[in-house]
Amino acid sequence: MARRRVPAPDGEAALRAALAAAAAGAKAERNTLATAVRYSLEELAERAPGNSVEVRVPPFGVTQCVAGPRHTRGTPPNVIETDAATWLALIAGQQSWDAAVGSGKVAASGLRANLSEWLPLFRAGR
């Protein structure tokens, strides 16, 4: 089980605020955005436990998830990287995995670098 650093009530509140700001065409405050991203990465690691895929949302967070071979040294073979706004749209179901990858908003390398099975993590308006 993933170690939680963001308390669920704080993470859920930050996620709601960040999604509301995005829906209004605004950008959430940096601390709110960081908390929302970190909380959602922790949630992903809990729902898809493992160490075969590294998910990066710079500059706010990174997690390892998805069952499979464990990576311990150097560059991981399965890496997913995206910006915070795209990540929040993916986890809220506001953008599909295939569309995000196809448009270049998500860089996914490696055979296991596909999160479509676990997305969305949350529904907008939760």
N, C-alpha and C. Protein backbone atom coordinates (compact mmCIF):
# COMPACT_ATOMS: atom_id res chain seq x y z
N MET A 1 0.84 -1.19 0.00
CA MET A 1 0.00 0.00 0.00
C MET A 1 0.89 1.24 0.00
N ALA A 2 0.50 2.22 -0.78
CA ALA A 2 1.25 3.47 -0.88
C ALA A 2 1.18 4.25 0.43
N ARG A 3 2.28 4.88 0.76
CA ARG A 3 2.31 5.70 1.96
C ARG A 3 1.67 7.05 1.64
N ARG A 4 0.69 7.42 2.43
CA ARG A 4 -0.03 8.69 2.21
C ARG A 4 0.71 9.82 2.91
N ARG A 5 0.92 10.90 2.17
CA ARG A 5 1.49 12.11 2.75
C ARG A 5 0.46 13.23 2.80
N VAL A 6 -0.53 13.14 1.92
CA VAL A 6 -1.58 14.15 1.88
C VAL A 6 -2.83 13.55 2.53
N PRO A 7 -3.30 14.13 3.63
CA PRO A 7 -4.53 13.63 4.25
C PRO A 7 -5.69 13.71 3.25
N ALA A 8 -6.52 12.68 3.23
CA ALA A 8 -7.62 12.61 2.26
C ALA A 8 -8.49 13.86 2.25
N PRO A 9 -8.92 14.40 3.39
CA PRO A 9 -9.76 15.61 3.32
C PRO A 9 -9.05 16.79 2.65
N ASP A 10 -7.76 16.95 2.91
CA ASP A 10 -7.00 18.03 2.28
C ASP A 10 -6.86 17.80 0.78
N GLY A 11 -6.57 16.56 0.42
CA GLY A 11 -6.41 16.21 -0.99
C GLY A 11 -7.69 16.37 -1.77
N GLU A 12 -8.79 15.91 -1.20
CA GLU A 12 -10.09 16.03 -1.88
C GLU A 12 -10.50 17.49 -2.04
N ALA A 13 -10.25 18.30 -1.01
CA ALA A 13 -10.59 19.73 -1.10
C ALA A 13 -9.73 20.41 -2.17
N ALA A 14 -8.45 20.10 -2.21
CA ALA A 14 -7.56 20.69 -3.22
C ALA A 14 -7.97 20.25 -4.62
N LEU A 15 -8.34 18.99 -4.75
CA LEU A 15 -8.76 18.47 -6.05
C LEU A 15 -10.02 19.18 -6.53
N ARG A 16 -11.00 19.33 -5.64
CA ARG A 16 -12.23 20.04 -6.00
C ARG A 16 -11.93 21.48 -6.42
N ALA A 17 -11.07 22.15 -5.66
CA ALA A 17 -10.73 23.54 -5.96
C ALA A 17 -9.98 23.66 -7.28
N ALA A 18 -9.05 22.76 -7.54
CA ALA A 18 -8.28 22.81 -8.79
C ALA A 18 -9.17 22.52 -9.99
N LEU A 19 -10.06 21.57 -9.85
CA LEU A 19 -10.98 21.25 -10.96
C LEU A 19 -11.98 22.38 -11.19
N ALA A 20 -12.45 23.01 -10.12
CA ALA A 20 -13.37 24.13 -10.25
C ALA A 20 -12.68 25.31 -10.95
N ALA A 21 -11.44 25.57 -10.59
CA ALA A 21 -10.69 26.65 -11.23
C ALA A 21 -10.52 26.36 -12.72
N ALA A 22 -10.16 25.12 -13.05
CA ALA A 22 -9.99 24.75 -14.46
C ALA A 22 -11.29 24.89 -15.23
N ALA A 23 -12.40 24.50 -14.61
CA ALA A 23 -13.71 24.60 -15.27
C ALA A 23 -14.09 26.05 -15.53
N ALA A 24 -13.61 26.95 -14.67
CA ALA A 24 -13.90 28.38 -14.82
C ALA A 24 -12.88 29.06 -15.74
N GLY A 25 -11.95 28.28 -16.28
CA GLY A 25 -10.94 28.84 -17.17
C GLY A 25 -9.82 29.54 -16.45
N ALA A 26 -9.69 29.28 -15.15
CA ALA A 26 -8.65 29.90 -14.34
C ALA A 26 -7.63 28.84 -13.92
N LYS A 27 -6.55 29.30 -13.38
CA LYS A 27 -5.53 28.40 -12.88
C LYS A 27 -5.59 28.39 -11.35
N ALA A 28 -5.55 27.22 -10.77
CA ALA A 28 -5.58 27.11 -9.31
C ALA A 28 -4.28 27.66 -8.72
N GLU A 29 -4.34 28.04 -7.47
CA GLU A 29 -3.13 28.48 -6.77
C GLU A 29 -2.12 27.34 -6.77
N ARG A 30 -0.85 27.69 -6.79
CA ARG A 30 0.22 26.68 -6.88
C ARG A 30 0.12 25.63 -5.76
N ASN A 31 -0.11 26.05 -4.52
CA ASN A 31 -0.19 25.09 -3.41
C ASN A 31 -1.39 24.16 -3.58
N THR A 32 -2.49 24.70 -4.05
CA THR A 32 -3.69 23.88 -4.29
C THR A 32 -3.42 22.88 -5.39
N LEU A 33 -2.82 23.32 -6.46
CA LEU A 33 -2.49 22.45 -7.58
C LEU A 33 -1.52 21.35 -7.14
N ALA A 34 -0.50 21.73 -6.40
CA ALA A 34 0.48 20.74 -5.92
C ALA A 34 -0.19 19.69 -5.03
N THR A 35 -1.04 20.12 -4.13
CA THR A 35 -1.72 19.18 -3.23
C THR A 35 -2.64 18.25 -4.02
N ALA A 36 -3.38 18.79 -4.99
CA ALA A 36 -4.28 17.98 -5.80
C ALA A 36 -3.50 16.93 -6.59
N VAL A 37 -2.39 17.33 -7.20
CA VAL A 37 -1.58 16.38 -7.97
C VAL A 37 -1.00 15.31 -7.07
N ARG A 38 -0.41 15.70 -5.96
CA ARG A 38 0.20 14.72 -5.05
C ARG A 38 -0.84 13.75 -4.50
N TYR A 39 -1.98 14.27 -4.11
CA TYR A 39 -3.05 13.41 -3.60
C TYR A 39 -3.49 12.40 -4.66
N SER A 40 -3.67 12.87 -5.89
CA SER A 40 -4.13 11.97 -6.95
C SER A 40 -3.06 10.94 -7.33
N LEU A 41 -1.79 11.30 -7.26
CA LEU A 41 -0.73 10.32 -7.51
C LEU A 41 -0.71 9.26 -6.41
N GLU A 42 -0.95 9.67 -5.17
CA GLU A 42 -1.03 8.72 -4.07
C GLU A 42 -2.22 7.77 -4.27
N GLU A 43 -3.32 8.33 -4.73
CA GLU A 43 -4.52 7.52 -4.99
C GLU A 43 -4.25 6.51 -6.11
N LEU A 44 -3.58 6.94 -7.15
CA LEU A 44 -3.23 6.03 -8.24
C LEU A 44 -2.36 4.89 -7.73
N ALA A 45 -1.35 5.21 -6.93
CA ALA A 45 -0.46 4.18 -6.39
C ALA A 45 -1.21 3.19 -5.51
N GLU A 46 -2.24 3.66 -4.84
CA GLU A 46 -3.03 2.76 -4.00
C GLU A 46 -3.93 1.86 -4.84
N ARG A 47 -4.52 2.41 -5.88
CA ARG A 47 -5.43 1.63 -6.72
C ARG A 47 -4.72 0.71 -7.71
N ALA A 48 -3.50 1.08 -8.10
CA ALA A 48 -2.71 0.29 -9.05
C ALA A 48 -1.34 0.03 -8.43
N PRO A 49 -1.31 -0.76 -7.35
CA PRO A 49 -0.03 -0.95 -6.64
C PRO A 49 1.01 -1.67 -7.50
N GLY A 50 2.25 -1.29 -7.28
CA GLY A 50 3.35 -1.92 -7.98
C GLY A 50 4.45 -0.92 -8.23
N ASN A 51 5.46 -1.36 -8.97
CA ASN A 51 6.62 -0.51 -9.23
C ASN A 51 7.10 -0.58 -10.67
N SER A 52 6.25 -0.98 -11.59
CA SER A 52 6.73 -1.15 -12.96
C SER A 52 6.56 0.10 -13.83
N VAL A 53 5.76 1.06 -13.39
CA VAL A 53 5.54 2.29 -14.16
C VAL A 53 5.81 3.49 -13.26
N GLU A 54 6.53 4.46 -13.80
CA GLU A 54 6.76 5.70 -13.06
C GLU A 54 5.93 6.79 -13.71
N VAL A 55 5.12 7.46 -12.92
CA VAL A 55 4.27 8.55 -13.40
C VAL A 55 4.84 9.85 -12.85
N ARG A 56 5.16 10.77 -13.75
CA ARG A 56 5.77 12.05 -13.38
C ARG A 56 4.85 13.19 -13.77
N VAL A 57 4.59 14.08 -12.81
CA VAL A 57 3.84 15.31 -13.07
C VAL A 57 4.68 16.46 -12.51
N PRO A 58 5.69 16.87 -13.28
CA PRO A 58 6.59 17.90 -12.78
C PRO A 58 5.91 19.26 -12.70
N PRO A 59 6.25 20.07 -11.75
CA PRO A 59 7.25 19.85 -10.71
C PRO A 59 6.66 19.32 -9.41
N PHE A 60 5.44 18.81 -9.48
CA PHE A 60 4.70 18.52 -8.25
C PHE A 60 4.85 17.12 -7.68
N GLY A 61 5.05 16.12 -8.50
CA GLY A 61 5.14 14.79 -7.91
C GLY A 61 5.47 13.70 -8.90
N VAL A 62 5.76 12.55 -8.31
CA VAL A 62 6.08 11.34 -9.06
C VAL A 62 5.64 10.15 -8.20
N THR A 63 5.22 9.09 -8.86
CA THR A 63 4.89 7.88 -8.13
C THR A 63 5.22 6.68 -8.99
N GLN A 64 5.39 5.56 -8.34
CA GLN A 64 5.52 4.29 -9.05
C GLN A 64 4.26 3.49 -8.78
N CYS A 65 3.80 2.81 -9.83
CA CYS A 65 2.56 2.06 -9.72
C CYS A 65 2.55 0.93 -10.74
N VAL A 66 1.52 0.19 -10.79
CA VAL A 66 1.23 -0.91 -11.72
C VAL A 66 2.11 -2.12 -11.42
N ALA A 67 1.45 -3.23 -11.21
CA ALA A 67 2.14 -4.48 -10.91
C ALA A 67 3.00 -4.91 -12.10
N GLY A 68 4.10 -5.52 -11.78
CA GLY A 68 5.02 -6.00 -12.82
C GLY A 68 6.43 -5.98 -12.30
N PRO A 69 7.38 -6.13 -13.19
CA PRO A 69 8.78 -6.14 -12.77
C PRO A 69 9.16 -4.84 -12.08
N ARG A 70 9.87 -4.97 -10.97
CA ARG A 70 10.30 -3.81 -10.19
C ARG A 70 11.55 -3.21 -10.82
N HIS A 71 11.55 -1.90 -10.92
CA HIS A 71 12.70 -1.18 -11.45
C HIS A 71 13.46 -0.55 -10.29
N THR A 72 14.78 -0.67 -10.27
CA THR A 72 15.53 -0.13 -9.14
C THR A 72 16.67 0.81 -9.51
N ARG A 73 17.20 0.76 -10.74
CA ARG A 73 18.36 1.59 -11.07
C ARG A 73 18.20 2.25 -12.44
N GLY A 74 18.72 3.47 -12.55
CA GLY A 74 18.70 4.16 -13.83
C GLY A 74 17.32 4.63 -14.24
N THR A 75 17.16 4.90 -15.53
CA THR A 75 15.88 5.35 -16.06
C THR A 75 14.90 4.19 -16.11
N PRO A 76 13.72 4.36 -15.55
CA PRO A 76 12.73 3.28 -15.59
C PRO A 76 12.33 2.95 -17.03
N PRO A 77 12.03 1.68 -17.32
CA PRO A 77 11.64 1.31 -18.67
C PRO A 77 10.23 1.77 -19.06
N ASN A 78 9.39 2.06 -18.09
CA ASN A 78 8.01 2.48 -18.34
C ASN A 78 7.78 3.82 -17.64
N VAL A 79 7.73 4.89 -18.41
CA VAL A 79 7.61 6.23 -17.84
C VAL A 79 6.45 6.97 -18.51
N ILE A 80 5.69 7.65 -17.67
CA ILE A 80 4.60 8.51 -18.14
C ILE A 80 4.87 9.89 -17.56
N GLU A 81 4.80 10.91 -18.42
CA GLU A 81 5.02 12.28 -17.94
C GLU A 81 4.01 13.21 -18.59
N THR A 82 3.48 14.11 -17.77
CA THR A 82 2.53 15.10 -18.27
C THR A 82 2.54 16.31 -17.35
N ASP A 83 1.89 17.37 -17.78
CA ASP A 83 1.77 18.56 -16.95
C ASP A 83 0.58 18.42 -16.00
N ALA A 84 0.52 19.30 -15.02
CA ALA A 84 -0.51 19.21 -13.99
C ALA A 84 -1.93 19.34 -14.54
N ALA A 85 -2.14 20.28 -15.45
CA ALA A 85 -3.49 20.49 -15.99
C ALA A 85 -3.97 19.26 -16.75
N THR A 86 -3.12 18.67 -17.55
CA THR A 86 -3.50 17.46 -18.28
C THR A 86 -3.75 16.32 -17.31
N TRP A 87 -2.89 16.18 -16.31
CA TRP A 87 -3.07 15.11 -15.33
C TRP A 87 -4.42 15.22 -14.64
N LEU A 88 -4.78 16.42 -14.20
CA LEU A 88 -6.06 16.59 -13.52
C LEU A 88 -7.23 16.31 -14.46
N ALA A 89 -7.11 16.70 -15.71
CA ALA A 89 -8.17 16.39 -16.69
C ALA A 89 -8.30 14.88 -16.88
N LEU A 90 -7.19 14.18 -16.91
CA LEU A 90 -7.22 12.71 -17.06
C LEU A 90 -7.86 12.03 -15.86
N ILE A 91 -7.43 12.42 -14.66
CA ILE A 91 -7.94 11.72 -13.47
C ILE A 91 -9.39 12.05 -13.18
N ALA A 92 -9.87 13.19 -13.72
CA ALA A 92 -11.27 13.59 -13.51
C ALA A 92 -12.18 13.10 -14.64
N GLY A 93 -11.62 12.45 -15.65
CA GLY A 93 -12.43 11.96 -16.75
C GLY A 93 -12.81 13.04 -17.75
N GLN A 94 -12.11 14.17 -17.72
CA GLN A 94 -12.40 15.26 -18.64
C GLN A 94 -11.61 15.14 -19.94
N GLN A 95 -10.66 14.23 -19.96
CA GLN A 95 -9.88 13.95 -21.17
C GLN A 95 -9.56 12.46 -21.18
N SER A 96 -9.61 11.86 -22.35
CA SER A 96 -9.32 10.43 -22.44
C SER A 96 -7.81 10.22 -22.55
N TRP A 97 -7.39 9.05 -22.11
CA TRP A 97 -5.99 8.68 -22.19
C TRP A 97 -5.50 8.73 -23.63
N ASP A 98 -6.24 8.09 -24.53
CA ASP A 98 -5.83 8.03 -25.93
C ASP A 98 -5.70 9.42 -26.56
N ALA A 99 -6.64 10.31 -26.25
CA ALA A 99 -6.59 11.66 -26.79
C ALA A 99 -5.38 12.42 -26.25
N ALA A 100 -5.08 12.27 -24.97
CA ALA A 100 -3.95 12.97 -24.36
C ALA A 100 -2.63 12.48 -24.93
N VAL A 101 -2.50 11.17 -25.10
CA VAL A 101 -1.28 10.62 -25.68
C VAL A 101 -1.18 11.01 -27.15
N GLY A 102 -2.28 10.90 -27.87
CA GLY A 102 -2.29 11.23 -29.29
C GLY A 102 -1.95 12.68 -29.59
N SER A 103 -2.33 13.57 -28.69
CA SER A 103 -2.06 15.00 -28.90
C SER A 103 -0.69 15.41 -28.39
N GLY A 104 0.02 14.48 -27.75
CA GLY A 104 1.34 14.79 -27.22
C GLY A 104 1.32 15.43 -25.85
N LYS A 105 0.15 15.53 -25.22
CA LYS A 105 0.08 16.10 -23.88
C LYS A 105 0.61 15.14 -22.83
N VAL A 106 0.65 13.85 -23.18
CA VAL A 106 1.21 12.82 -22.30
C VAL A 106 2.32 12.12 -23.07
N ALA A 107 3.49 12.05 -22.46
CA ALA A 107 4.59 11.26 -23.02
C ALA A 107 4.58 9.92 -22.30
N ALA A 108 4.41 8.84 -23.03
CA ALA A 108 4.35 7.51 -22.44
C ALA A 108 5.30 6.59 -23.19
N SER A 109 6.29 6.06 -22.46
CA SER A 109 7.25 5.16 -23.09
C SER A 109 7.32 3.86 -22.32
N GLY A 110 7.39 2.76 -23.03
CA GLY A 110 7.45 1.45 -22.41
C GLY A 110 6.18 0.66 -22.64
N LEU A 111 6.30 -0.65 -22.60
CA LEU A 111 5.16 -1.53 -22.87
C LEU A 111 4.03 -1.40 -21.85
N ARG A 112 4.36 -1.06 -20.62
CA ARG A 112 3.34 -0.96 -19.57
C ARG A 112 2.88 0.47 -19.32
N ALA A 113 3.35 1.42 -20.08
CA ALA A 113 3.05 2.83 -19.85
C ALA A 113 1.69 3.22 -20.43
N ASN A 114 0.66 2.67 -19.84
CA ASN A 114 -0.71 2.96 -20.26
C ASN A 114 -1.59 2.90 -19.02
N LEU A 115 -2.19 4.01 -18.66
CA LEU A 115 -3.02 4.08 -17.45
C LEU A 115 -4.51 4.03 -17.73
N SER A 116 -4.90 3.76 -18.96
CA SER A 116 -6.32 3.82 -19.32
C SER A 116 -7.17 2.88 -18.47
N GLU A 117 -6.60 1.81 -17.97
CA GLU A 117 -7.35 0.87 -17.12
C GLU A 117 -7.76 1.50 -15.79
N TRP A 118 -7.01 2.48 -15.32
CA TRP A 118 -7.26 3.07 -14.00
C TRP A 118 -7.85 4.47 -14.06
N LEU A 119 -8.02 5.00 -15.25
CA LEU A 119 -8.54 6.36 -15.38
C LEU A 119 -9.98 6.36 -15.86
N PRO A 120 -10.80 7.27 -15.42
CA PRO A 120 -10.48 8.32 -14.46
C PRO A 120 -10.45 7.79 -13.03
N LEU A 121 -9.68 8.43 -12.20
CA LEU A 121 -9.63 8.10 -10.77
C LEU A 121 -10.83 8.68 -10.04
N PHE A 122 -11.23 9.85 -10.48
CA PHE A 122 -12.33 10.60 -9.86
C PHE A 122 -13.21 11.14 -10.96
N ARG A 123 -14.43 11.42 -10.65
CA ARG A 123 -15.34 12.07 -11.60
C ARG A 123 -15.46 13.53 -11.23
N ALA A 124 -15.54 14.38 -12.23
CA ALA A 124 -15.70 15.82 -11.98
C ALA A 124 -16.96 16.03 -11.16
N GLY A 125 -16.88 16.98 -10.24
CA GLY A 125 -18.03 17.30 -9.41
C GLY A 125 -18.19 16.35 -8.24
N ARG A 126 -17.17 15.55 -8.00
CA ARG A 126 -17.20 14.59 -6.90
C ARG A 126 -17.36 15.27 -5.58
